All heavy atoms as atom14 arrays in JSON, in Angstrom:
{
  "sequence": "ELHPESEIDSRLIRAAVTVERDGLLAVRVAGLATLLGSAAEE",
  "atom14_mask": [
    [1, 1, 1, 1, 1, 1, 1, 1, 1, 0, 0, 0, 0, 0],
    [1, 1, 1, 1, 1, 1, 1, 1, 0, 0, 0, 0, 0, 0],
    [1, 1, 1, 1, 1, 1, 1, 1, 1, 1, 0, 0, 0, 0],
    [1, 1, 1, 1, 1, 1, 1, 0, 0, 0, 0, 0, 0, 0],
    [1, 1, 1, 1, 1, 1, 1, 1, 1, 0, 0, 0, 0, 0],
    [1, 1, 1, 1, 1, 1, 0, 0, 0, 0, 0, 0, 0, 0],
    [1, 1, 1, 1, 1, 1, 1, 1, 1, 0, 0, 0, 0, 0],
    [1, 1, 1, 1, 1, 1, 1, 1, 0, 0, 0, 0, 0, 0],
    [1, 1, 1, 1, 1, 1, 1, 1, 0, 0, 0, 0, 0, 0],
    [1, 1, 1, 1, 1, 1, 0, 0, 0, 0, 0, 0, 0, 0],
    [1, 1, 1, 1, 1, 1, 1, 1, 1, 1, 1, 0, 0, 0],
    [1, 1, 1, 1, 1, 1, 1, 1, 0, 0, 0, 0, 0, 0],
    [1, 1, 1, 1, 1, 1, 1, 1, 0, 0, 0, 0, 0, 0],
    [1, 1, 1, 1, 1, 1, 1, 1, 1, 1, 1, 0, 0, 0],
    [1, 1, 1, 1, 1, 0, 0, 0, 0, 0, 0, 0, 0, 0],
    [1, 1, 1, 1, 1, 0, 0, 0, 0, 0, 0, 0, 0, 0],
    [1, 1, 1, 1, 1, 1, 1, 0, 0, 0, 0, 0, 0, 0],
    [1, 1, 1, 1, 1, 1, 1, 0, 0, 0, 0, 0, 0, 0],
    [1, 1, 1, 1, 1, 1, 1, 0, 0, 0, 0, 0, 0, 0],
    [1, 1, 1, 1, 1, 1, 1, 1, 1, 0, 0, 0, 0, 0],
    [1, 1, 1, 1, 1, 1, 1, 1, 1, 1, 1, 0, 0, 0],
    [1, 1, 1, 1, 1, 1, 1, 1, 0, 0, 0, 0, 0, 0],
    [1, 1, 1, 1, 0, 0, 0, 0, 0, 0, 0, 0, 0, 0],
    [1, 1, 1, 1, 1, 1, 1, 1, 0, 0, 0, 0, 0, 0],
    [1, 1, 1, 1, 1, 1, 1, 1, 0, 0, 0, 0, 0, 0],
    [1, 1, 1, 1, 1, 0, 0, 0, 0, 0, 0, 0, 0, 0],
    [1, 1, 1, 1, 1, 1, 1, 0, 0, 0, 0, 0, 0, 0],
    [1, 1, 1, 1, 1, 1, 1, 1, 1, 1, 1, 0, 0, 0],
    [1, 1, 1, 1, 1, 1, 1, 0, 0, 0, 0, 0, 0, 0],
    [1, 1, 1, 1, 1, 0, 0, 0, 0, 0, 0, 0, 0, 0],
    [1, 1, 1, 1, 0, 0, 0, 0, 0, 0, 0, 0, 0, 0],
    [1, 1, 1, 1, 1, 1, 1, 1, 0, 0, 0, 0, 0, 0],
    [1, 1, 1, 1, 1, 0, 0, 0, 0, 0, 0, 0, 0, 0],
    [1, 1, 1, 1, 1, 1, 1, 0, 0, 0, 0, 0, 0, 0],
    [1, 1, 1, 1, 1, 1, 1, 1, 0, 0, 0, 0, 0, 0],
    [1, 1, 1, 1, 1, 1, 1, 1, 0, 0, 0, 0, 0, 0],
    [1, 1, 1, 1, 0, 0, 0, 0, 0, 0, 0, 0, 0, 0],
    [1, 1, 1, 1, 1, 1, 0, 0, 0, 0, 0, 0, 0, 0],
    [1, 1, 1, 1, 1, 0, 0, 0, 0, 0, 0, 0, 0, 0],
    [1, 1, 1, 1, 1, 0, 0, 0, 0, 0, 0, 0, 0, 0],
    [1, 1, 1, 1, 1, 1, 1, 1, 1, 0, 0, 0, 0, 0],
    [1, 1, 1, 1, 1, 1, 1, 1, 1, 0, 0, 0, 0, 0]
  ],
  "atom14_positions": [
    [[0.83, -1.21, 0.0], [0.0, 0.0, 0.0], [0.87, 1.26, 0.0], [0.58, 2.22, -0.7], [-0.93, 0.01, 1.22], [-2.06, -0.97, 1.17], [-3.1, -0.61, 0.13], [-3.43, 0.6, 0.0], [-3.58, -1.52, -0.56], [0.0, 0.0, 0.0], [0.0, 0.0, 0.0], [0.0, 0.0, 0.0], [0.0, 0.0, 0.0], [0.0, 0.0, 0.0]],
    [[1.9, 1.25, 0.83], [2.75, 2.42, 0.99], [3.72, 2.64, -0.16], [4.01, 3.78, -0.53], [3.55, 2.3, 2.3], [2.73, 2.35, 3.58], [3.59, 1.93, 4.76], [2.16, 3.74, 3.79], [0.0, 0.0, 0.0], [0.0, 0.0, 0.0], [0.0, 0.0, 0.0], [0.0, 0.0, 0.0], [0.0, 0.0, 0.0], [0.0, 0.0, 0.0]],
    [[4.26, 1.55, -0.71], [5.27, 1.62, -1.76], [4.92, 0.65, -2.89], [5.6, -0.37, -3.07], [6.66, 1.3, -1.19], [7.11, 2.25, -0.15], [7.73, 3.45, -0.47], [7.01, 2.23, 1.2], [8.0, 4.1, 0.64], [7.58, 3.38, 1.67], [0.0, 0.0, 0.0], [0.0, 0.0, 0.0], [0.0, 0.0, 0.0], [0.0, 0.0, 0.0]],
    [[3.87, 0.96, -3.65], [3.43, 0.02, -4.69], [4.46, -0.2, -5.8], [4.44, -1.23, -6.47], [2.15, 0.67, -5.26], [2.2, 2.09, -4.84], [3.04, 2.16, -3.6], [0.0, 0.0, 0.0], [0.0, 0.0, 0.0], [0.0, 0.0, 0.0], [0.0, 0.0, 0.0], [0.0, 0.0, 0.0], [0.0, 0.0, 0.0], [0.0, 0.0, 0.0]],
    [[5.38, 0.74, -5.95], [6.39, 0.62, -7.01], [7.5, -0.35, -6.66], [8.24, -0.8, -7.53], [6.98, 2.0, -7.33], [7.94, 2.55, -6.27], [7.29, 3.04, -4.97], [6.05, 3.15, -4.92], [8.03, 3.29, -4.01], [0.0, 0.0, 0.0], [0.0, 0.0, 0.0], [0.0, 0.0, 0.0], [0.0, 0.0, 0.0], [0.0, 0.0, 0.0]],
    [[7.65, -0.68, -5.4], [8.75, -1.56, -5.0], [8.26, -2.99, -4.79], [7.1, -3.22, -4.48], [9.4, -1.05, -3.72], [8.47, -1.13, -2.68], [0.0, 0.0, 0.0], [0.0, 0.0, 0.0], [0.0, 0.0, 0.0], [0.0, 0.0, 0.0], [0.0, 0.0, 0.0], [0.0, 0.0, 0.0], [0.0, 0.0, 0.0], [0.0, 0.0, 0.0]],
    [[9.17, -3.9, -5.0], [8.87, -5.31, -4.78], [9.91, -5.89, -3.83], [11.05, -6.11, -4.23], [8.87, -6.07, -6.1], [7.75, -5.65, -7.03], [7.68, -6.51, -8.27], [8.18, -7.65, -8.25], [7.13, -6.02, -9.25], [0.0, 0.0, 0.0], [0.0, 0.0, 0.0], [0.0, 0.0, 0.0], [0.0, 0.0, 0.0], [0.0, 0.0, 0.0]],
    [[9.49, -6.11, -2.62], [10.39, -6.71, -1.62], [10.02, -8.18, -1.48], [8.85, -8.52, -1.33], [10.27, -6.01, -0.25], [10.71, -4.55, -0.38], [11.08, -6.71, 0.8], [10.62, -3.77, 0.9], [0.0, 0.0, 0.0], [0.0, 0.0, 0.0], [0.0, 0.0, 0.0], [0.0, 0.0, 0.0], [0.0, 0.0, 0.0], [0.0, 0.0, 0.0]],
    [[11.0, -9.01, -1.53], [10.8, -10.45, -1.38], [10.15, -10.74, -0.03], [10.61, -10.24, 1.01], [12.16, -11.15, -1.48], [12.05, -12.65, -1.55], [11.1, -13.22, -1.0], [12.94, -13.26, -2.17], [0.0, 0.0, 0.0], [0.0, 0.0, 0.0], [0.0, 0.0, 0.0], [0.0, 0.0, 0.0], [0.0, 0.0, 0.0], [0.0, 0.0, 0.0]],
    [[9.12, -11.55, -0.04], [8.4, -11.86, 1.2], [9.3, -12.55, 2.23], [9.07, -12.43, 3.43], [7.17, -12.72, 0.91], [7.55, -13.92, 0.28], [0.0, 0.0, 0.0], [0.0, 0.0, 0.0], [0.0, 0.0, 0.0], [0.0, 0.0, 0.0], [0.0, 0.0, 0.0], [0.0, 0.0, 0.0], [0.0, 0.0, 0.0], [0.0, 0.0, 0.0]],
    [[10.34, -13.24, 1.76], [11.27, -13.89, 2.7], [12.06, -12.85, 3.49], [12.4, -13.06, 4.65], [12.21, -14.83, 1.96], [11.48, -16.06, 1.39], [12.38, -16.86, 0.54], [12.67, -16.06, -0.66], [13.27, -16.51, -1.74], [13.69, -17.75, -1.78], [13.48, -15.74, -2.78], [0.0, 0.0, 0.0], [0.0, 0.0, 0.0], [0.0, 0.0, 0.0]],
    [[12.35, -11.7, 2.86], [13.06, -10.63, 3.56], [12.16, -9.98, 4.61], [12.61, -9.62, 5.69], [13.56, -9.58, 2.57], [14.61, -10.07, 1.58], [14.92, -8.99, 0.56], [15.86, -10.52, 2.3], [0.0, 0.0, 0.0], [0.0, 0.0, 0.0], [0.0, 0.0, 0.0], [0.0, 0.0, 0.0], [0.0, 0.0, 0.0], [0.0, 0.0, 0.0]],
    [[10.89, -9.85, 4.26], [9.94, -9.3, 5.24], [9.81, -10.26, 6.41], [9.83, -9.86, 7.57], [8.57, -9.03, 4.58], [8.73, -7.94, 3.52], [7.54, -8.64, 5.63], [7.52, -7.74, 2.64], [0.0, 0.0, 0.0], [0.0, 0.0, 0.0], [0.0, 0.0, 0.0], [0.0, 0.0, 0.0], [0.0, 0.0, 0.0], [0.0, 0.0, 0.0]],
    [[9.69, -11.55, 6.12], [9.57, -12.55, 7.19], [10.81, -12.54, 8.08], [10.73, -12.68, 9.3], [9.34, -13.93, 6.59], [9.31, -15.09, 7.56], [8.27, -14.9, 8.65], [8.38, -15.91, 9.66], [9.21, -15.87, 10.71], [10.02, -14.85, 10.89], [9.21, -16.84, 11.59], [0.0, 0.0, 0.0], [0.0, 0.0, 0.0], [0.0, 0.0, 0.0]],
    [[11.98, -12.33, 7.48], [13.22, -12.29, 8.26], [13.27, -11.08, 9.19], [13.96, -11.11, 10.21], [14.42, -12.29, 7.33], [0.0, 0.0, 0.0], [0.0, 0.0, 0.0], [0.0, 0.0, 0.0], [0.0, 0.0, 0.0], [0.0, 0.0, 0.0], [0.0, 0.0, 0.0], [0.0, 0.0, 0.0], [0.0, 0.0, 0.0], [0.0, 0.0, 0.0]],
    [[12.53, -10.02, 8.85], [12.5, -8.82, 9.69], [11.62, -8.99, 10.93], [11.69, -8.2, 11.86], [12.01, -7.63, 8.88], [0.0, 0.0, 0.0], [0.0, 0.0, 0.0], [0.0, 0.0, 0.0], [0.0, 0.0, 0.0], [0.0, 0.0, 0.0], [0.0, 0.0, 0.0], [0.0, 0.0, 0.0], [0.0, 0.0, 0.0], [0.0, 0.0, 0.0]],
    [[10.81, -10.04, 10.94], [9.92, -10.31, 12.09], [10.64, -11.26, 13.05], [11.03, -12.36, 12.66], [8.58, -10.93, 11.64], [7.68, -11.22, 12.83], [7.88, -10.03, 10.64], [0.0, 0.0, 0.0], [0.0, 0.0, 0.0], [0.0, 0.0, 0.0], [0.0, 0.0, 0.0], [0.0, 0.0, 0.0], [0.0, 0.0, 0.0], [0.0, 0.0, 0.0]],
    [[10.82, -10.81, 14.27], [11.52, -11.63, 15.26], [10.61, -11.9, 16.45], [9.71, -11.12, 16.76], [12.79, -10.92, 15.77], [12.43, -9.67, 16.36], [13.77, -10.67, 14.63], [0.0, 0.0, 0.0], [0.0, 0.0, 0.0], [0.0, 0.0, 0.0], [0.0, 0.0, 0.0], [0.0, 0.0, 0.0], [0.0, 0.0, 0.0], [0.0, 0.0, 0.0]],
    [[10.87, -13.02, 17.11], [10.14, -13.37, 18.32], [10.99, -12.91, 19.51], [12.15, -13.3, 19.64], [9.87, -14.89, 18.4], [9.14, -15.24, 19.68], [9.1, -15.36, 17.18], [0.0, 0.0, 0.0], [0.0, 0.0, 0.0], [0.0, 0.0, 0.0], [0.0, 0.0, 0.0], [0.0, 0.0, 0.0], [0.0, 0.0, 0.0], [0.0, 0.0, 0.0]],
    [[10.4, -12.08, 20.33], [11.08, -11.54, 21.5], [10.65, -12.32, 22.75], [9.92, -13.3, 22.65], [10.75, -10.05, 21.66], [11.05, -9.23, 20.42], [12.52, -9.06, 20.16], [13.25, -8.71, 21.09], [12.93, -9.27, 19.0], [0.0, 0.0, 0.0], [0.0, 0.0, 0.0], [0.0, 0.0, 0.0], [0.0, 0.0, 0.0], [0.0, 0.0, 0.0]],
    [[11.03, -11.82, 23.87], [10.65, -12.46, 25.14], [9.13, -12.49, 25.31], [8.43, -11.65, 24.79], [11.31, -11.73, 26.31], [10.76, -10.32, 26.46], [11.57, -9.46, 27.36], [11.05, -8.17, 27.63], [10.54, -7.3, 26.79], [10.38, -7.62, 25.54], [10.13, -6.11, 27.16], [0.0, 0.0, 0.0], [0.0, 0.0, 0.0], [0.0, 0.0, 0.0]],
    [[8.66, -13.44, 26.03], [7.23, -13.58, 26.37], [6.31, -13.57, 25.16], [5.19, -13.09, 25.24], [6.81, -12.46, 27.35], [7.6, -12.5, 28.64], [7.98, -13.61, 29.06], [7.85, -11.43, 29.21], [0.0, 0.0, 0.0], [0.0, 0.0, 0.0], [0.0, 0.0, 0.0], [0.0, 0.0, 0.0], [0.0, 0.0, 0.0], [0.0, 0.0, 0.0]],
    [[6.79, -14.06, 24.03], [5.95, -14.16, 22.85], [5.71, -12.84, 22.14], [4.93, -12.78, 21.19], [0.0, 0.0, 0.0], [0.0, 0.0, 0.0], [0.0, 0.0, 0.0], [0.0, 0.0, 0.0], [0.0, 0.0, 0.0], [0.0, 0.0, 0.0], [0.0, 0.0, 0.0], [0.0, 0.0, 0.0], [0.0, 0.0, 0.0], [0.0, 0.0, 0.0]],
    [[6.37, -11.78, 22.56], [6.26, -10.49, 21.9], [6.9, -10.6, 20.52], [7.98, -11.16, 20.38], [6.98, -9.44, 22.75], [6.91, -7.99, 22.33], [5.5, -7.46, 22.54], [7.88, -7.17, 23.16], [0.0, 0.0, 0.0], [0.0, 0.0, 0.0], [0.0, 0.0, 0.0], [0.0, 0.0, 0.0], [0.0, 0.0, 0.0], [0.0, 0.0, 0.0]],
    [[6.21, -10.11, 19.5], [6.75, -10.14, 18.15], [7.18, -8.75, 17.74], [6.51, -7.77, 18.04], [5.7, -10.67, 17.17], [5.27, -12.12, 17.42], [4.05, -12.46, 16.58], [6.4, -13.05, 17.09], [0.0, 0.0, 0.0], [0.0, 0.0, 0.0], [0.0, 0.0, 0.0], [0.0, 0.0, 0.0], [0.0, 0.0, 0.0], [0.0, 0.0, 0.0]],
    [[8.31, -8.65, 17.06], [8.85, -7.36, 16.66], [9.15, -7.36, 15.17], [9.58, -8.37, 14.61], [10.12, -7.06, 17.43], [0.0, 0.0, 0.0], [0.0, 0.0, 0.0], [0.0, 0.0, 0.0], [0.0, 0.0, 0.0], [0.0, 0.0, 0.0], [0.0, 0.0, 0.0], [0.0, 0.0, 0.0], [0.0, 0.0, 0.0], [0.0, 0.0, 0.0]],
    [[8.9, -6.21, 14.54], [9.28, -6.01, 13.14], [10.43, -5.02, 13.15], [10.25, -3.85, 13.52], [8.1, -5.46, 12.3], [8.54, -5.28, 10.86], [6.9, -6.38, 12.39], [0.0, 0.0, 0.0], [0.0, 0.0, 0.0], [0.0, 0.0, 0.0], [0.0, 0.0, 0.0], [0.0, 0.0, 0.0], [0.0, 0.0, 0.0], [0.0, 0.0, 0.0]],
    [[11.6, -5.48, 12.78], [12.8, -4.63, 12.7], [12.8, -3.99, 11.32], [13.06, -4.64, 10.31], [14.06, -5.46, 12.9], [14.06, -6.3, 14.16], [14.2, -5.46, 15.39], [14.13, -6.31, 16.58], [14.09, -5.83, 17.78], [14.1, -4.53, 17.98], [14.01, -6.64, 18.81], [0.0, 0.0, 0.0], [0.0, 0.0, 0.0], [0.0, 0.0, 0.0]],
    [[12.49, -2.72, 11.27], [12.23, -2.03, 10.01], [13.5, -1.56, 9.3], [13.49, -1.33, 8.1], [11.27, -0.84, 10.27], [10.98, -0.08, 9.0], [9.97, -1.36, 10.88], [0.0, 0.0, 0.0], [0.0, 0.0, 0.0], [0.0, 0.0, 0.0], [0.0, 0.0, 0.0], [0.0, 0.0, 0.0], [0.0, 0.0, 0.0], [0.0, 0.0, 0.0]],
    [[14.62, -1.46, 9.98], [15.84, -0.89, 9.4], [16.25, -1.56, 8.08], [16.56, -0.88, 7.11], [16.98, -0.95, 10.41], [0.0, 0.0, 0.0], [0.0, 0.0, 0.0], [0.0, 0.0, 0.0], [0.0, 0.0, 0.0], [0.0, 0.0, 0.0], [0.0, 0.0, 0.0], [0.0, 0.0, 0.0], [0.0, 0.0, 0.0], [0.0, 0.0, 0.0]],
    [[16.26, -2.87, 8.04], [16.65, -3.58, 6.82], [15.7, -3.34, 5.67], [16.11, -3.18, 4.52], [0.0, 0.0, 0.0], [0.0, 0.0, 0.0], [0.0, 0.0, 0.0], [0.0, 0.0, 0.0], [0.0, 0.0, 0.0], [0.0, 0.0, 0.0], [0.0, 0.0, 0.0], [0.0, 0.0, 0.0], [0.0, 0.0, 0.0], [0.0, 0.0, 0.0]],
    [[14.41, -3.29, 5.97], [13.42, -3.02, 4.94], [13.57, -1.6, 4.42], [13.43, -1.34, 3.23], [12.0, -3.24, 5.49], [11.69, -4.64, 6.01], [10.31, -4.68, 6.67], [11.79, -5.66, 4.89], [0.0, 0.0, 0.0], [0.0, 0.0, 0.0], [0.0, 0.0, 0.0], [0.0, 0.0, 0.0], [0.0, 0.0, 0.0], [0.0, 0.0, 0.0]],
    [[13.85, -0.67, 5.33], [14.03, 0.74, 4.94], [15.21, 0.88, 3.99], [15.15, 1.64, 3.02], [14.21, 1.61, 6.18], [0.0, 0.0, 0.0], [0.0, 0.0, 0.0], [0.0, 0.0, 0.0], [0.0, 0.0, 0.0], [0.0, 0.0, 0.0], [0.0, 0.0, 0.0], [0.0, 0.0, 0.0], [0.0, 0.0, 0.0], [0.0, 0.0, 0.0]],
    [[16.28, 0.16, 4.25], [17.46, 0.2, 3.39], [17.09, -0.26, 1.97], [17.49, 0.38, 1.0], [18.58, -0.69, 3.96], [18.92, -0.21, 5.26], [19.8, -0.66, 3.08], [0.0, 0.0, 0.0], [0.0, 0.0, 0.0], [0.0, 0.0, 0.0], [0.0, 0.0, 0.0], [0.0, 0.0, 0.0], [0.0, 0.0, 0.0], [0.0, 0.0, 0.0]],
    [[16.32, -1.32, 1.87], [15.9, -1.82, 0.56], [15.02, -0.83, -0.19], [15.05, -0.76, -1.41], [15.14, -3.15, 0.72], [15.95, -4.33, 1.22], [15.03, -5.5, 1.53], [17.0, -4.73, 0.19], [0.0, 0.0, 0.0], [0.0, 0.0, 0.0], [0.0, 0.0, 0.0], [0.0, 0.0, 0.0], [0.0, 0.0, 0.0], [0.0, 0.0, 0.0]],
    [[14.23, -0.05, 0.56], [13.33, 0.92, -0.06], [13.95, 2.3, -0.21], [13.33, 3.2, -0.78], [12.05, 1.04, 0.78], [11.15, -0.19, 0.8], [10.06, -0.04, 1.84], [10.54, -0.41, -0.58], [0.0, 0.0, 0.0], [0.0, 0.0, 0.0], [0.0, 0.0, 0.0], [0.0, 0.0, 0.0], [0.0, 0.0, 0.0], [0.0, 0.0, 0.0]],
    [[15.15, 2.49, 0.34], [15.8, 3.78, 0.27], [15.14, 4.82, 1.16], [15.13, 6.0, 0.85], [0.0, 0.0, 0.0], [0.0, 0.0, 0.0], [0.0, 0.0, 0.0], [0.0, 0.0, 0.0], [0.0, 0.0, 0.0], [0.0, 0.0, 0.0], [0.0, 0.0, 0.0], [0.0, 0.0, 0.0], [0.0, 0.0, 0.0], [0.0, 0.0, 0.0]],
    [[14.58, 4.36, 2.3], [13.91, 5.26, 3.25], [14.67, 5.29, 4.55], [15.46, 4.4, 4.85], [12.49, 4.75, 3.55], [11.7, 4.73, 2.4], [0.0, 0.0, 0.0], [0.0, 0.0, 0.0], [0.0, 0.0, 0.0], [0.0, 0.0, 0.0], [0.0, 0.0, 0.0], [0.0, 0.0, 0.0], [0.0, 0.0, 0.0], [0.0, 0.0, 0.0]],
    [[14.38, 6.31, 5.35], [14.92, 6.35, 6.71], [14.13, 5.35, 7.55], [12.91, 5.23, 7.4], [14.78, 7.75, 7.28], [0.0, 0.0, 0.0], [0.0, 0.0, 0.0], [0.0, 0.0, 0.0], [0.0, 0.0, 0.0], [0.0, 0.0, 0.0], [0.0, 0.0, 0.0], [0.0, 0.0, 0.0], [0.0, 0.0, 0.0], [0.0, 0.0, 0.0]],
    [[14.83, 4.61, 8.41], [14.2, 3.54, 9.19], [13.03, 4.04, 10.05], [11.96, 3.45, 10.04], [15.24, 2.84, 10.05], [0.0, 0.0, 0.0], [0.0, 0.0, 0.0], [0.0, 0.0, 0.0], [0.0, 0.0, 0.0], [0.0, 0.0, 0.0], [0.0, 0.0, 0.0], [0.0, 0.0, 0.0], [0.0, 0.0, 0.0], [0.0, 0.0, 0.0]],
    [[13.25, 5.12, 10.79], [12.19, 5.61, 11.67], [11.01, 6.15, 10.88], [9.86, 6.01, 11.3], [12.72, 6.63, 12.66], [13.57, 5.97, 13.74], [13.86, 6.86, 14.92], [13.21, 7.91, 15.08], [14.75, 6.49, 15.69], [0.0, 0.0, 0.0], [0.0, 0.0, 0.0], [0.0, 0.0, 0.0], [0.0, 0.0, 0.0], [0.0, 0.0, 0.0]],
    [[11.27, 6.75, 9.73], [10.18, 7.26, 8.89], [9.33, 6.1, 8.36], [8.1, 6.14, 8.4], [10.75, 8.06, 7.73], [9.7, 8.62, 6.8], [10.31, 9.36, 5.62], [11.42, 9.9, 5.75], [9.67, 9.38, 4.56], [0.0, 0.0, 0.0], [0.0, 0.0, 0.0], [0.0, 0.0, 0.0], [0.0, 0.0, 0.0], [0.0, 0.0, 0.0]]
  ]
}
């Protein structure tokens, strides 16, 4: 929705999702931002 022009491999997106303590799930956006040429926090 946000970046229709880009195609990121779903395996890379899955790799950005990590399981933290107590079953908390986190999406580490920095790697995805690099692929899209965006700032991570943005």
